[in-house]
Amino acid sequence: MAGRRGLAVSLAIVIASMVLLFTVPPPYFVVATFFSTSCMIGAAYALGALRGRRPLPKPVLVGLASAALLYGIFYAGAWLVSTYHPFGITSASEASIYSLISSPSNPIYLQVLVLLFDAAGFEAFFRGALQKRLSARFGLLAAPAVALLDAAIHIVTLNPLWVGATFVTDLVWGLTYGYGKGTQSSFTSHFVWDVAIFILRPIR
């Protein structure tokens, strides 16, 4: 299933699972996250994008630096939102996102597991499968193209802050993937940033 038809089918399945994820009632968001990200991992495997490699120091360090940079960007962004409320966006938009994962009803181990699947699924499919294929034809432009696609899917949430944040994070992870030459760097950045912003030091 590695040709164009396979890619189209995989993309359709992933998009459908994400639409489900963003439209289920909040109490089912965690379960839907496991389902959607499992679809992403399965799609990446079917497309031949999953290959076991031992962790290497450079990609991991690139990922850690990327996560720190992204956290700084969001820290500045949160200040702008709380101070100027661009396009009518307020901190309530942030709270609605945090509550889906950082809810008191979700124990810490479950939050970490959800974020692990989130990072693994999105990086395996959007970077490891989709961006890798587009990069062969479009080079660095593949990163913003994939970021736009993911952000467009997030329009289903009807949360403009989530859509904008998705584009920014995906763009950074796409560039991290390209600079680090693989998903080790983008996965490291994604997972570390997730844990930092949702569990360790949430920006509210």
N, C-alpha and C. Protein backbone atom coordinates (compact mmCIF):
# COMPACT_ATOMS: atom_id res chain seq x y z
N MET A 1 0.83 -1.19 0.00
CA MET A 1 0.00 0.00 0.00
C MET A 1 0.88 1.26 0.00
N ALA A 2 1.94 1.24 -0.79
CA ALA A 2 2.90 2.31 -0.74
C ALA A 2 2.76 3.32 -1.87
N GLY A 3 1.84 3.10 -2.82
CA GLY A 3 1.68 4.01 -3.94
C GLY A 3 0.76 5.17 -3.61
N ARG A 4 0.38 5.90 -4.68
CA ARG A 4 -0.48 7.07 -4.47
C ARG A 4 -1.84 6.66 -3.91
N ARG A 5 -2.36 5.54 -4.39
CA ARG A 5 -3.66 5.08 -3.89
C ARG A 5 -3.57 4.76 -2.41
N GLY A 6 -2.48 4.11 -2.02
CA GLY A 6 -2.28 3.78 -0.61
C GLY A 6 -2.19 5.02 0.25
N LEU A 7 -1.50 6.02 -0.26
CA LEU A 7 -1.37 7.28 0.47
C LEU A 7 -2.73 7.96 0.61
N ALA A 8 -3.51 7.96 -0.48
CA ALA A 8 -4.84 8.59 -0.45
C ALA A 8 -5.75 7.90 0.55
N VAL A 9 -5.73 6.55 0.56
CA VAL A 9 -6.57 5.79 1.49
C VAL A 9 -6.13 6.05 2.93
N SER A 10 -4.83 6.02 3.15
CA SER A 10 -4.30 6.27 4.50
C SER A 10 -4.67 7.66 4.99
N LEU A 11 -4.54 8.65 4.11
CA LEU A 11 -4.86 10.02 4.49
C LEU A 11 -6.34 10.16 4.81
N ALA A 12 -7.18 9.51 4.04
CA ALA A 12 -8.63 9.56 4.28
C ALA A 12 -8.97 8.95 5.64
N ILE A 13 -8.33 7.84 5.97
CA ILE A 13 -8.59 7.18 7.25
C ILE A 13 -8.13 8.08 8.41
N VAL A 14 -6.96 8.67 8.27
CA VAL A 14 -6.43 9.53 9.32
C VAL A 14 -7.32 10.76 9.51
N ILE A 15 -7.73 11.38 8.42
CA ILE A 15 -8.59 12.57 8.52
C ILE A 15 -9.92 12.21 9.18
N ALA A 16 -10.50 11.08 8.78
CA ALA A 16 -11.78 10.65 9.38
C ALA A 16 -11.62 10.42 10.88
N SER A 17 -10.50 9.81 11.28
CA SER A 17 -10.29 9.55 12.71
C SER A 17 -10.09 10.85 13.48
N MET A 18 -9.47 11.85 12.83
CA MET A 18 -9.26 13.14 13.49
C MET A 18 -10.56 13.92 13.61
N VAL A 19 -11.40 13.85 12.59
CA VAL A 19 -12.71 14.51 12.67
C VAL A 19 -13.52 13.90 13.82
N LEU A 20 -13.45 12.58 13.95
CA LEU A 20 -14.11 11.91 15.08
C LEU A 20 -13.53 12.40 16.40
N LEU A 21 -12.22 12.49 16.46
CA LEU A 21 -11.54 12.94 17.67
C LEU A 21 -12.01 14.32 18.11
N PHE A 22 -12.18 15.21 17.14
CA PHE A 22 -12.51 16.60 17.46
C PHE A 22 -14.01 16.84 17.65
N THR A 23 -14.82 15.83 17.40
CA THR A 23 -16.27 16.02 17.52
C THR A 23 -16.92 15.17 18.60
N VAL A 24 -16.16 14.24 19.21
CA VAL A 24 -16.75 13.44 20.29
C VAL A 24 -16.92 14.31 21.52
N PRO A 25 -17.84 13.97 22.42
CA PRO A 25 -17.97 14.72 23.67
C PRO A 25 -16.65 14.68 24.45
N PRO A 26 -16.31 15.75 25.17
CA PRO A 26 -15.04 15.82 25.90
C PRO A 26 -14.68 14.61 26.76
N PRO A 27 -15.66 13.96 27.44
CA PRO A 27 -15.28 12.80 28.26
C PRO A 27 -14.68 11.65 27.45
N TYR A 28 -14.92 11.63 26.14
CA TYR A 28 -14.41 10.55 25.30
C TYR A 28 -13.17 10.97 24.51
N PHE A 29 -12.64 12.17 24.79
CA PHE A 29 -11.51 12.68 24.01
C PHE A 29 -10.27 11.80 24.15
N VAL A 30 -9.98 11.34 25.35
CA VAL A 30 -8.78 10.52 25.57
C VAL A 30 -8.87 9.21 24.78
N VAL A 31 -10.01 8.55 24.88
CA VAL A 31 -10.19 7.30 24.13
C VAL A 31 -10.08 7.54 22.63
N ALA A 32 -10.70 8.63 22.18
CA ALA A 32 -10.65 8.97 20.75
C ALA A 32 -9.23 9.31 20.31
N THR A 33 -8.44 9.89 21.22
CA THR A 33 -7.04 10.20 20.90
C THR A 33 -6.25 8.92 20.66
N PHE A 34 -6.44 7.94 21.53
CA PHE A 34 -5.77 6.65 21.34
C PHE A 34 -6.18 6.03 19.99
N PHE A 35 -7.45 6.13 19.67
CA PHE A 35 -7.93 5.56 18.41
C PHE A 35 -7.33 6.28 17.21
N SER A 36 -7.40 7.61 17.22
CA SER A 36 -6.92 8.38 16.07
C SER A 36 -5.42 8.22 15.87
N THR A 37 -4.66 8.32 16.96
CA THR A 37 -3.20 8.20 16.81
C THR A 37 -2.80 6.77 16.44
N SER A 38 -3.58 5.79 16.87
CA SER A 38 -3.31 4.41 16.44
C SER A 38 -3.54 4.27 14.94
N CYS A 39 -4.55 4.97 14.43
CA CYS A 39 -4.79 4.98 12.98
C CYS A 39 -3.60 5.60 12.26
N MET A 40 -3.05 6.66 12.83
CA MET A 40 -1.88 7.31 12.22
C MET A 40 -0.69 6.37 12.20
N ILE A 41 -0.45 5.69 13.31
CA ILE A 41 0.68 4.75 13.38
C ILE A 41 0.47 3.60 12.40
N GLY A 42 -0.77 3.09 12.34
CA GLY A 42 -1.07 2.01 11.41
C GLY A 42 -0.89 2.44 9.97
N ALA A 43 -1.33 3.66 9.66
CA ALA A 43 -1.19 4.19 8.30
C ALA A 43 0.28 4.36 7.94
N ALA A 44 1.07 4.86 8.88
CA ALA A 44 2.51 5.04 8.64
C ALA A 44 3.18 3.69 8.40
N TYR A 45 2.77 2.68 9.16
CA TYR A 45 3.33 1.34 8.98
C TYR A 45 2.96 0.78 7.61
N ALA A 46 1.70 0.96 7.22
CA ALA A 46 1.24 0.46 5.92
C ALA A 46 1.99 1.13 4.77
N LEU A 47 2.41 2.37 4.98
CA LEU A 47 3.13 3.12 3.94
C LEU A 47 4.64 2.90 4.01
N GLY A 48 5.06 2.04 4.92
CA GLY A 48 6.48 1.73 5.04
C GLY A 48 7.30 2.81 5.71
N ALA A 49 6.65 3.64 6.51
CA ALA A 49 7.34 4.77 7.13
C ALA A 49 7.90 4.46 8.52
N LEU A 50 7.59 3.29 9.06
CA LEU A 50 8.06 2.94 10.40
C LEU A 50 9.27 2.02 10.30
N ARG A 51 10.38 2.52 10.75
CA ARG A 51 11.61 1.72 10.75
C ARG A 51 12.31 1.92 12.09
N GLY A 52 12.57 0.80 12.77
CA GLY A 52 13.21 0.88 14.07
C GLY A 52 14.67 1.32 13.97
N ARG A 53 15.02 2.36 14.71
CA ARG A 53 16.39 2.84 14.76
C ARG A 53 16.73 3.19 16.20
N ARG A 54 17.95 2.91 16.59
CA ARG A 54 18.35 3.27 17.95
C ARG A 54 18.49 4.79 18.06
N PRO A 55 18.14 5.34 19.21
CA PRO A 55 18.24 6.79 19.39
C PRO A 55 19.68 7.28 19.21
N LEU A 56 19.83 8.38 18.49
CA LEU A 56 21.14 8.98 18.26
C LEU A 56 21.21 10.33 18.98
N PRO A 57 22.38 10.68 19.50
CA PRO A 57 22.49 11.92 20.30
C PRO A 57 22.08 13.19 19.54
N LYS A 58 22.56 13.36 18.30
CA LYS A 58 22.29 14.61 17.59
C LYS A 58 20.81 14.85 17.35
N PRO A 59 20.05 13.87 16.80
CA PRO A 59 18.62 14.12 16.60
C PRO A 59 17.87 14.41 17.89
N VAL A 60 18.26 13.74 18.97
CA VAL A 60 17.60 13.97 20.26
C VAL A 60 17.90 15.39 20.76
N LEU A 61 19.15 15.83 20.62
CA LEU A 61 19.51 17.18 21.05
C LEU A 61 18.81 18.24 20.19
N VAL A 62 18.70 17.97 18.90
CA VAL A 62 17.96 18.87 18.01
C VAL A 62 16.51 18.97 18.47
N GLY A 63 15.93 17.82 18.82
CA GLY A 63 14.55 17.80 19.29
C GLY A 63 14.35 18.56 20.58
N LEU A 64 15.30 18.42 21.51
CA LEU A 64 15.20 19.13 22.79
C LEU A 64 15.30 20.64 22.58
N ALA A 65 16.22 21.06 21.71
CA ALA A 65 16.36 22.49 21.41
C ALA A 65 15.10 23.02 20.74
N SER A 66 14.53 22.23 19.84
CA SER A 66 13.30 22.62 19.16
C SER A 66 12.14 22.76 20.14
N ALA A 67 12.04 21.84 21.09
CA ALA A 67 10.97 21.89 22.09
C ALA A 67 11.10 23.15 22.95
N ALA A 68 12.34 23.49 23.33
CA ALA A 68 12.57 24.69 24.14
C ALA A 68 12.19 25.94 23.35
N LEU A 69 12.57 25.99 22.09
CA LEU A 69 12.22 27.13 21.24
C LEU A 69 10.71 27.26 21.10
N LEU A 70 10.05 26.14 20.88
CA LEU A 70 8.60 26.16 20.70
C LEU A 70 7.89 26.58 21.98
N TYR A 71 8.40 26.15 23.12
CA TYR A 71 7.81 26.57 24.40
C TYR A 71 7.93 28.08 24.55
N GLY A 72 9.10 28.63 24.17
CA GLY A 72 9.28 30.07 24.24
C GLY A 72 8.33 30.82 23.33
N ILE A 73 8.11 30.27 22.14
CA ILE A 73 7.17 30.89 21.20
C ILE A 73 5.76 30.92 21.79
N PHE A 74 5.36 29.83 22.42
CA PHE A 74 4.02 29.77 22.99
C PHE A 74 3.90 30.63 24.24
N TYR A 75 4.99 30.77 24.97
CA TYR A 75 4.97 31.67 26.14
C TYR A 75 4.69 33.10 25.69
N ALA A 76 5.39 33.50 24.63
CA ALA A 76 5.17 34.84 24.07
C ALA A 76 3.77 34.96 23.48
N GLY A 77 3.32 33.90 22.81
CA GLY A 77 1.99 33.92 22.22
C GLY A 77 0.89 34.04 23.26
N ALA A 78 1.06 33.34 24.38
CA ALA A 78 0.07 33.41 25.46
C ALA A 78 -0.02 34.82 26.02
N TRP A 79 1.12 35.50 26.14
CA TRP A 79 1.12 36.88 26.62
C TRP A 79 0.38 37.79 25.64
N LEU A 80 0.61 37.59 24.35
CA LEU A 80 -0.08 38.40 23.34
C LEU A 80 -1.58 38.19 23.39
N VAL A 81 -2.00 36.92 23.55
CA VAL A 81 -3.43 36.62 23.60
C VAL A 81 -4.08 37.25 24.82
N SER A 82 -3.43 37.12 25.99
CA SER A 82 -4.02 37.65 27.22
C SER A 82 -4.00 39.18 27.25
N THR A 83 -3.05 39.79 26.53
CA THR A 83 -2.92 41.24 26.56
C THR A 83 -3.75 41.94 25.48
N TYR A 84 -3.73 41.39 24.27
CA TYR A 84 -4.35 42.09 23.14
C TYR A 84 -5.60 41.40 22.58
N HIS A 85 -5.85 40.15 22.94
CA HIS A 85 -7.03 39.41 22.47
C HIS A 85 -7.21 39.53 20.95
N PRO A 86 -6.21 39.12 20.17
CA PRO A 86 -6.33 39.25 18.71
C PRO A 86 -7.50 38.45 18.16
N PHE A 87 -8.26 39.08 17.25
CA PHE A 87 -9.43 38.44 16.62
C PHE A 87 -10.45 37.95 17.66
N GLY A 88 -10.44 38.57 18.82
CA GLY A 88 -11.39 38.19 19.86
C GLY A 88 -11.03 36.93 20.62
N ILE A 89 -9.82 36.42 20.39
CA ILE A 89 -9.37 35.21 21.08
C ILE A 89 -8.99 35.55 22.51
N THR A 90 -9.45 34.75 23.46
CA THR A 90 -9.15 34.97 24.87
C THR A 90 -8.53 33.71 25.47
N SER A 91 -8.16 33.82 26.73
CA SER A 91 -7.56 32.68 27.42
C SER A 91 -8.55 31.52 27.57
N ALA A 92 -9.84 31.79 27.38
CA ALA A 92 -10.83 30.71 27.46
C ALA A 92 -10.59 29.68 26.38
N SER A 93 -10.07 30.13 25.24
CA SER A 93 -9.76 29.20 24.15
C SER A 93 -8.64 28.25 24.57
N GLU A 94 -7.67 28.77 25.34
CA GLU A 94 -6.58 27.94 25.83
C GLU A 94 -7.11 26.94 26.85
N ALA A 95 -7.96 27.42 27.76
CA ALA A 95 -8.48 26.56 28.82
C ALA A 95 -9.24 25.38 28.27
N SER A 96 -9.98 25.59 27.18
CA SER A 96 -10.77 24.50 26.61
C SER A 96 -9.88 23.41 26.05
N ILE A 97 -8.67 23.78 25.57
CA ILE A 97 -7.73 22.78 25.05
C ILE A 97 -7.08 22.03 26.20
N TYR A 98 -6.60 22.76 27.21
CA TYR A 98 -5.95 22.13 28.36
C TYR A 98 -6.87 21.14 29.05
N SER A 99 -8.15 21.51 29.16
CA SER A 99 -9.08 20.68 29.93
C SER A 99 -9.29 19.30 29.32
N LEU A 100 -9.03 19.15 28.03
CA LEU A 100 -9.24 17.86 27.38
C LEU A 100 -8.23 16.82 27.84
N ILE A 101 -7.03 17.27 28.20
CA ILE A 101 -5.97 16.34 28.62
C ILE A 101 -5.64 16.50 30.09
N SER A 102 -5.45 17.75 30.52
CA SER A 102 -5.01 18.01 31.89
C SER A 102 -6.15 18.05 32.89
N SER A 103 -7.19 17.30 32.63
CA SER A 103 -8.33 17.25 33.54
C SER A 103 -7.96 16.49 34.81
N PRO A 104 -8.45 16.93 35.97
CA PRO A 104 -8.18 16.20 37.22
C PRO A 104 -8.66 14.76 37.18
N SER A 105 -9.62 14.47 36.30
CA SER A 105 -10.12 13.10 36.19
C SER A 105 -9.15 12.18 35.45
N ASN A 106 -8.14 12.77 34.81
CA ASN A 106 -7.13 11.97 34.11
C ASN A 106 -5.86 11.89 34.96
N PRO A 107 -5.52 10.72 35.49
CA PRO A 107 -4.29 10.61 36.29
C PRO A 107 -3.06 10.94 35.43
N ILE A 108 -1.97 11.29 36.09
CA ILE A 108 -0.76 11.72 35.39
C ILE A 108 -0.26 10.67 34.41
N TYR A 109 -0.27 9.40 34.83
CA TYR A 109 0.25 8.36 33.94
C TYR A 109 -0.57 8.28 32.66
N LEU A 110 -1.88 8.52 32.76
CA LEU A 110 -2.73 8.49 31.57
C LEU A 110 -2.44 9.70 30.68
N GLN A 111 -2.22 10.85 31.29
CA GLN A 111 -1.89 12.05 30.52
C GLN A 111 -0.59 11.85 29.74
N VAL A 112 0.42 11.27 30.41
CA VAL A 112 1.70 11.01 29.74
C VAL A 112 1.53 10.02 28.61
N LEU A 113 0.72 8.99 28.83
CA LEU A 113 0.50 7.97 27.80
C LEU A 113 -0.22 8.56 26.60
N VAL A 114 -1.21 9.41 26.86
CA VAL A 114 -1.92 10.07 25.76
C VAL A 114 -0.97 10.94 24.95
N LEU A 115 -0.12 11.69 25.64
CA LEU A 115 0.83 12.57 24.95
C LEU A 115 1.88 11.77 24.19
N LEU A 116 2.24 10.60 24.72
CA LEU A 116 3.18 9.73 24.02
C LEU A 116 2.59 9.24 22.70
N PHE A 117 1.34 8.78 22.75
CA PHE A 117 0.66 8.33 21.54
C PHE A 117 0.47 9.50 20.57
N ASP A 118 0.14 10.67 21.12
CA ASP A 118 -0.05 11.86 20.29
C ASP A 118 1.21 12.16 19.50
N ALA A 119 2.35 12.22 20.19
CA ALA A 119 3.61 12.52 19.52
C ALA A 119 3.99 11.42 18.53
N ALA A 120 3.84 10.17 18.94
CA ALA A 120 4.21 9.06 18.06
C ALA A 120 3.34 9.01 16.81
N GLY A 121 2.04 9.17 16.99
CA GLY A 121 1.13 9.09 15.86
C GLY A 121 1.31 10.21 14.87
N PHE A 122 1.32 11.45 15.36
CA PHE A 122 1.44 12.60 14.47
C PHE A 122 2.79 12.62 13.76
N GLU A 123 3.86 12.29 14.47
CA GLU A 123 5.17 12.33 13.82
C GLU A 123 5.36 11.17 12.85
N ALA A 124 4.84 10.01 13.19
CA ALA A 124 4.96 8.86 12.29
C ALA A 124 4.25 9.13 10.97
N PHE A 125 3.04 9.70 11.04
CA PHE A 125 2.27 9.90 9.81
C PHE A 125 2.58 11.22 9.12
N PHE A 126 2.41 12.33 9.84
CA PHE A 126 2.53 13.64 9.19
C PHE A 126 3.97 13.97 8.78
N ARG A 127 4.95 13.54 9.56
CA ARG A 127 6.33 13.77 9.17
C ARG A 127 6.93 12.53 8.49
N GLY A 128 6.88 11.40 9.16
CA GLY A 128 7.54 10.21 8.65
C GLY A 128 6.99 9.69 7.33
N ALA A 129 5.68 9.84 7.13
CA ALA A 129 5.08 9.35 5.89
C ALA A 129 4.78 10.48 4.91
N LEU A 130 4.00 11.47 5.36
CA LEU A 130 3.51 12.50 4.45
C LEU A 130 4.60 13.50 4.06
N GLN A 131 5.25 14.10 5.04
CA GLN A 131 6.27 15.10 4.71
C GLN A 131 7.44 14.47 3.97
N LYS A 132 7.80 13.26 4.33
CA LYS A 132 8.91 12.59 3.65
C LYS A 132 8.65 12.47 2.16
N ARG A 133 7.41 12.11 1.80
CA ARG A 133 7.07 11.97 0.39
C ARG A 133 7.04 13.33 -0.32
N LEU A 134 6.47 14.31 0.35
CA LEU A 134 6.39 15.64 -0.27
C LEU A 134 7.77 16.29 -0.39
N SER A 135 8.65 15.98 0.54
CA SER A 135 9.98 16.58 0.52
C SER A 135 10.76 16.20 -0.72
N ALA A 136 10.52 14.98 -1.21
CA ALA A 136 11.23 14.54 -2.40
C ALA A 136 10.92 15.42 -3.60
N ARG A 137 9.76 16.06 -3.58
CA ARG A 137 9.34 16.90 -4.70
C ARG A 137 9.41 18.39 -4.40
N PHE A 138 9.08 18.75 -3.17
CA PHE A 138 8.98 20.18 -2.84
C PHE A 138 10.04 20.68 -1.87
N GLY A 139 10.90 19.81 -1.38
CA GLY A 139 11.95 20.24 -0.46
C GLY A 139 11.39 20.79 0.84
N LEU A 140 11.95 21.92 1.29
CA LEU A 140 11.53 22.52 2.57
C LEU A 140 10.08 23.00 2.56
N LEU A 141 9.52 23.23 1.38
CA LEU A 141 8.12 23.68 1.29
C LEU A 141 7.16 22.60 1.78
N ALA A 142 7.65 21.38 1.90
CA ALA A 142 6.80 20.30 2.41
C ALA A 142 6.38 20.56 3.85
N ALA A 143 7.24 21.21 4.63
CA ALA A 143 6.93 21.47 6.04
C ALA A 143 5.72 22.38 6.20
N PRO A 144 5.68 23.57 5.57
CA PRO A 144 4.48 24.40 5.69
C PRO A 144 3.26 23.78 5.02
N ALA A 145 3.46 22.98 3.98
CA ALA A 145 2.32 22.33 3.31
C ALA A 145 1.63 21.36 4.26
N VAL A 146 2.42 20.54 4.95
CA VAL A 146 1.86 19.59 5.92
C VAL A 146 1.25 20.33 7.10
N ALA A 147 1.89 21.41 7.53
CA ALA A 147 1.35 22.21 8.64
C ALA A 147 -0.01 22.79 8.27
N LEU A 148 -0.15 23.27 7.04
CA LEU A 148 -1.43 23.81 6.58
C LEU A 148 -2.51 22.74 6.54
N LEU A 149 -2.13 21.55 6.11
CA LEU A 149 -3.10 20.45 6.05
C LEU A 149 -3.60 20.11 7.44
N ASP A 150 -2.69 19.93 8.38
CA ASP A 150 -3.08 19.58 9.75
C ASP A 150 -3.92 20.69 10.37
N ALA A 151 -3.52 21.94 10.15
CA ALA A 151 -4.29 23.07 10.68
C ALA A 151 -5.69 23.11 10.08
N ALA A 152 -5.79 22.81 8.80
CA ALA A 152 -7.09 22.80 8.13
C ALA A 152 -8.01 21.74 8.73
N ILE A 153 -7.46 20.59 9.06
CA ILE A 153 -8.26 19.53 9.70
C ILE A 153 -8.76 20.01 11.05
N HIS A 154 -7.94 20.77 11.75
CA HIS A 154 -8.31 21.27 13.08
C HIS A 154 -9.40 22.34 13.04
N ILE A 155 -9.76 22.83 11.87
CA ILE A 155 -10.86 23.79 11.77
C ILE A 155 -12.15 23.17 12.32
N VAL A 156 -12.22 21.85 12.28
CA VAL A 156 -13.40 21.14 12.81
C VAL A 156 -13.62 21.46 14.28
N THR A 157 -12.55 21.82 15.01
CA THR A 157 -12.68 22.12 16.43
C THR A 157 -13.44 23.43 16.68
N LEU A 158 -13.52 24.29 15.66
CA LEU A 158 -14.14 25.62 15.78
C LEU A 158 -13.43 26.48 16.82
N ASN A 159 -12.16 26.17 17.05
CA ASN A 159 -11.35 26.93 18.00
C ASN A 159 -10.18 27.55 17.23
N PRO A 160 -10.26 28.85 16.90
CA PRO A 160 -9.22 29.47 16.08
C PRO A 160 -7.83 29.41 16.70
N LEU A 161 -7.76 29.45 18.03
CA LEU A 161 -6.47 29.36 18.68
C LEU A 161 -5.83 28.00 18.44
N TRP A 162 -6.64 26.94 18.49
CA TRP A 162 -6.15 25.59 18.26
C TRP A 162 -5.65 25.44 16.83
N VAL A 163 -6.38 26.03 15.89
CA VAL A 163 -5.99 25.96 14.48
C VAL A 163 -4.65 26.66 14.27
N GLY A 164 -4.53 27.88 14.80
CA GLY A 164 -3.29 28.62 14.66
C GLY A 164 -2.12 27.94 15.35
N ALA A 165 -2.37 27.42 16.56
CA ALA A 165 -1.32 26.74 17.31
C ALA A 165 -0.86 25.49 16.57
N THR A 166 -1.79 24.81 15.93
CA THR A 166 -1.44 23.60 15.17
C THR A 166 -0.51 23.94 14.02
N PHE A 167 -0.80 25.03 13.32
CA PHE A 167 0.08 25.41 12.20
C PHE A 167 1.48 25.73 12.71
N VAL A 168 1.58 26.48 13.80
CA VAL A 168 2.89 26.86 14.34
C VAL A 168 3.68 25.64 14.78
N THR A 169 3.03 24.77 15.58
CA THR A 169 3.74 23.59 16.07
C THR A 169 4.14 22.66 14.92
N ASP A 170 3.23 22.44 13.98
CA ASP A 170 3.56 21.56 12.86
C ASP A 170 4.68 22.12 12.00
N LEU A 171 4.69 23.43 11.83
CA LEU A 171 5.75 24.05 11.05
C LEU A 171 7.10 23.84 11.74
N VAL A 172 7.13 24.06 13.04
CA VAL A 172 8.38 23.87 13.79
C VAL A 172 8.80 22.41 13.75
N TRP A 173 7.85 21.49 13.95
CA TRP A 173 8.21 20.07 13.91
C TRP A 173 8.61 19.62 12.51
N GLY A 174 8.00 20.23 11.50
CA GLY A 174 8.39 19.90 10.13
C GLY A 174 9.81 20.34 9.84
N LEU A 175 10.17 21.54 10.28
CA LEU A 175 11.53 22.04 10.09
C LEU A 175 12.52 21.24 10.95
N THR A 176 12.06 20.84 12.14
CA THR A 176 12.91 20.01 13.01
C THR A 176 13.17 18.66 12.35
N TYR A 177 12.13 18.11 11.75
CA TYR A 177 12.26 16.84 11.03
C TYR A 177 13.29 16.96 9.91
N GLY A 178 13.21 18.06 9.17
CA GLY A 178 14.14 18.26 8.07
C GLY A 178 15.57 18.48 8.54
N TYR A 179 15.74 19.32 9.56
CA TYR A 179 17.08 19.62 10.06
C TYR A 179 17.68 18.42 10.78
N GLY A 180 16.86 17.72 11.54
CA GLY A 180 17.34 16.56 12.27
C GLY A 180 17.39 15.29 11.45
N LYS A 181 16.91 15.38 10.21
CA LYS A 181 16.95 14.27 9.25
C LYS A 181 16.23 13.03 9.76
N GLY A 182 15.01 13.23 10.25
CA GLY A 182 14.21 12.09 10.65
C GLY A 182 13.26 12.37 11.79
N THR A 183 12.45 11.37 12.10
CA THR A 183 11.42 11.55 13.12
C THR A 183 11.95 11.47 14.54
N GLN A 184 13.20 11.01 14.73
CA GLN A 184 13.73 11.01 16.09
C GLN A 184 13.73 12.43 16.66
N SER A 185 14.15 13.38 15.86
CA SER A 185 14.21 14.77 16.33
C SER A 185 12.82 15.37 16.50
N SER A 186 11.94 15.16 15.51
CA SER A 186 10.60 15.75 15.60
C SER A 186 9.78 15.08 16.70
N PHE A 187 9.94 13.76 16.88
CA PHE A 187 9.23 13.07 17.96
C PHE A 187 9.70 13.58 19.32
N THR A 188 11.02 13.72 19.48
CA THR A 188 11.55 14.22 20.74
C THR A 188 10.99 15.59 21.06
N SER A 189 10.99 16.48 20.05
CA SER A 189 10.46 17.83 20.24
C SER A 189 8.98 17.79 20.60
N HIS A 190 8.22 17.00 19.86
CA HIS A 190 6.77 16.92 20.05
C HIS A 190 6.44 16.41 21.46
N PHE A 191 7.06 15.30 21.84
CA PHE A 191 6.72 14.68 23.13
C PHE A 191 7.17 15.56 24.31
N VAL A 192 8.40 16.08 24.24
CA VAL A 192 8.91 16.91 25.33
C VAL A 192 8.07 18.18 25.46
N TRP A 193 7.74 18.80 24.33
CA TRP A 193 6.90 20.00 24.37
C TRP A 193 5.52 19.70 24.94
N ASP A 194 4.93 18.59 24.51
CA ASP A 194 3.62 18.18 25.03
C ASP A 194 3.64 18.06 26.55
N VAL A 195 4.63 17.32 27.06
CA VAL A 195 4.71 17.09 28.51
C VAL A 195 4.95 18.41 29.24
N ALA A 196 5.80 19.26 28.68
CA ALA A 196 6.10 20.54 29.32
C ALA A 196 4.88 21.44 29.39
N ILE A 197 4.15 21.54 28.29
CA ILE A 197 3.08 22.52 28.22
C ILE A 197 1.75 22.02 28.80
N PHE A 198 1.59 20.70 28.85
CA PHE A 198 0.33 20.18 29.40
C PHE A 198 0.47 19.72 30.86
N ILE A 199 1.69 19.33 31.29
CA ILE A 199 1.84 18.75 32.62
C ILE A 199 2.80 19.54 33.49
N LEU A 200 4.04 19.74 33.03
CA LEU A 200 5.08 20.33 33.88
C LEU A 200 4.88 21.82 34.13
N ARG A 201 4.77 22.60 33.05
CA ARG A 201 4.64 24.05 33.17
C ARG A 201 3.61 24.57 32.18
N PRO A 202 2.33 24.32 32.44
CA PRO A 202 1.30 24.82 31.53
C PRO A 202 1.34 26.34 31.43
N ILE A 203 1.10 26.85 30.23
CA ILE A 203 1.06 28.30 30.01
C ILE A 203 -0.40 28.73 29.96
N ARG A 204 -0.84 29.44 30.97
CA ARG A 204 -2.26 29.83 31.05
C ARG A 204 -2.36 31.34 31.18
